[in-house]
Amino acid sequence: MSAPRYELVFSDAVGSARDVVVVERTSATGPGGHPVYADPTGIIRAEISDRDEVRVLASGGHQQPPQGVVAHRLREAPEGGLPDAGGQGDGSRDVA
């Protein structure tokens, strides 16, 4: 079963620079038949499999999907608290 939210970690070619974006499940299904997740702006869209494999989808023209993106499941926040990341090595997979 897929999680309602993920943290996507984008790294550069050597793994030194990192950007982190939180995405939530949408009602859309990607080309691989898995749920599509998006950030609040809709610019970052990714299909994430039930094995946490990530396929970043283009959301506009002239975009090239990045490589080396890792997804971490986010646990639901306790009432009144912030959600915790699933942690490194917690079911994460590289780009499919």
Protein backbone atom coordinates (compact mmCIF):
# COMPACT_ATOMS: atom_id res chain seq x y z
CA MET A 1 0.00 0.00 0.00
CA SER A 2 1.33 3.45 -0.85
CA ALA A 3 1.84 6.24 1.65
CA PRO A 4 -0.17 9.48 1.48
CA ARG A 5 3.02 11.61 1.63
CA TYR A 6 6.67 11.26 0.66
CA GLU A 7 9.81 13.31 1.02
CA LEU A 8 11.73 13.37 -2.28
CA VAL A 9 15.48 13.97 -2.01
CA PHE A 10 17.15 15.37 -5.15
CA SER A 11 20.96 15.10 -5.22
CA ASP A 12 23.55 16.38 -7.66
CA ALA A 13 25.86 14.05 -9.60
CA VAL A 14 28.34 13.71 -6.72
CA GLY A 15 25.70 13.66 -3.97
CA SER A 16 26.89 16.85 -2.27
CA ALA A 17 23.99 19.21 -3.03
CA ARG A 18 20.55 18.12 -1.85
CA ASP A 19 17.06 19.54 -2.25
CA VAL A 20 14.13 18.07 -0.35
CA VAL A 21 10.49 18.37 -1.46
CA VAL A 22 7.41 16.93 0.28
CA VAL A 23 4.78 15.52 -2.09
CA GLU A 24 1.24 14.26 -1.45
CA ARG A 25 -0.76 11.63 -3.27
CA THR A 26 -3.08 12.86 -6.03
CA SER A 27 -5.97 11.07 -7.72
CA ALA A 28 -3.85 10.59 -10.88
CA THR A 29 -2.10 7.40 -11.99
CA GLY A 30 1.24 7.47 -13.80
CA PRO A 31 2.35 5.63 -16.95
CA GLY A 32 3.49 2.65 -14.86
CA GLY A 33 0.08 2.34 -13.21
CA HIS A 34 1.24 3.68 -9.83
CA PRO A 35 -0.08 6.71 -7.90
CA VAL A 36 1.17 10.18 -8.81
CA TYR A 37 2.35 12.50 -6.04
CA ALA A 38 2.78 16.28 -6.32
CA ASP A 39 4.11 19.19 -4.31
CA PRO A 40 1.68 22.02 -3.43
CA THR A 41 2.67 24.01 -6.54
CA GLY A 42 2.13 21.07 -8.91
CA ILE A 43 5.57 21.63 -10.44
CA ILE A 44 7.13 18.52 -8.88
CA ARG A 45 5.18 15.43 -9.92
CA ALA A 46 6.38 11.88 -9.38
CA GLU A 47 4.99 8.40 -9.84
CA ILE A 48 5.93 6.25 -6.83
CA SER A 49 5.50 2.48 -6.84
CA ASP A 50 4.45 0.32 -3.89
CA ARG A 51 8.19 -0.48 -3.54
CA ASP A 52 8.99 3.27 -3.24
CA GLU A 53 10.58 3.43 -6.71
CA VAL A 54 10.42 6.98 -8.07
CA ARG A 55 9.76 8.20 -11.61
CA VAL A 56 9.74 12.00 -11.78
CA LEU A 57 7.21 13.22 -14.36
CA ALA A 58 7.51 16.35 -16.48
CA SER A 59 4.89 18.90 -15.49
CA GLY A 60 5.66 21.38 -18.29
CA GLY A 61 7.59 21.87 -21.49
CA HIS A 62 11.38 21.71 -21.71
CA GLN A 63 11.79 19.76 -18.46
CA GLN A 64 14.21 16.89 -18.18
CA PRO A 65 13.41 14.43 -15.38
CA PRO A 66 16.23 14.32 -12.82
CA GLN A 67 18.13 11.15 -11.97
CA GLY A 68 19.12 10.00 -8.49
CA VAL A 69 15.90 10.94 -6.69
CA VAL A 70 15.15 8.97 -3.52
CA ALA A 71 11.73 8.75 -1.82
CA HIS A 72 11.24 8.48 1.95
CA ARG A 73 7.77 7.69 3.28
CA LEU A 74 6.50 10.24 5.78
CA ARG A 75 4.60 8.98 8.76
CA GLU A 76 1.37 10.68 9.61
CA ALA A 77 1.73 13.42 12.20
CA PRO A 78 0.44 12.79 15.69
CA GLU A 79 -2.37 15.17 16.56
CA GLY A 80 -0.91 18.68 16.75
CA GLY A 81 2.60 17.52 15.76
CA LEU A 82 4.81 17.47 12.72
CA PRO A 83 5.26 14.29 10.67
CA ASP A 84 8.50 12.34 10.96
CA ALA A 85 10.51 11.15 7.99
CA GLY A 86 10.66 7.42 7.47
CA GLY A 87 14.45 7.59 7.78
CA GLN A 88 17.35 6.56 5.61
CA GLY A 89 17.11 2.98 4.47
CA ASP A 90 13.43 2.76 5.41
CA GLY A 91 12.06 1.27 2.18
CA SER A 92 13.68 3.92 -0.02
CA ARG A 93 14.63 3.21 -3.60
CA ASP A 94 16.47 5.10 -6.32
CA VAL A 95 14.88 6.39 -9.50
CA ALA A 96 13.23 3.67 -11.56
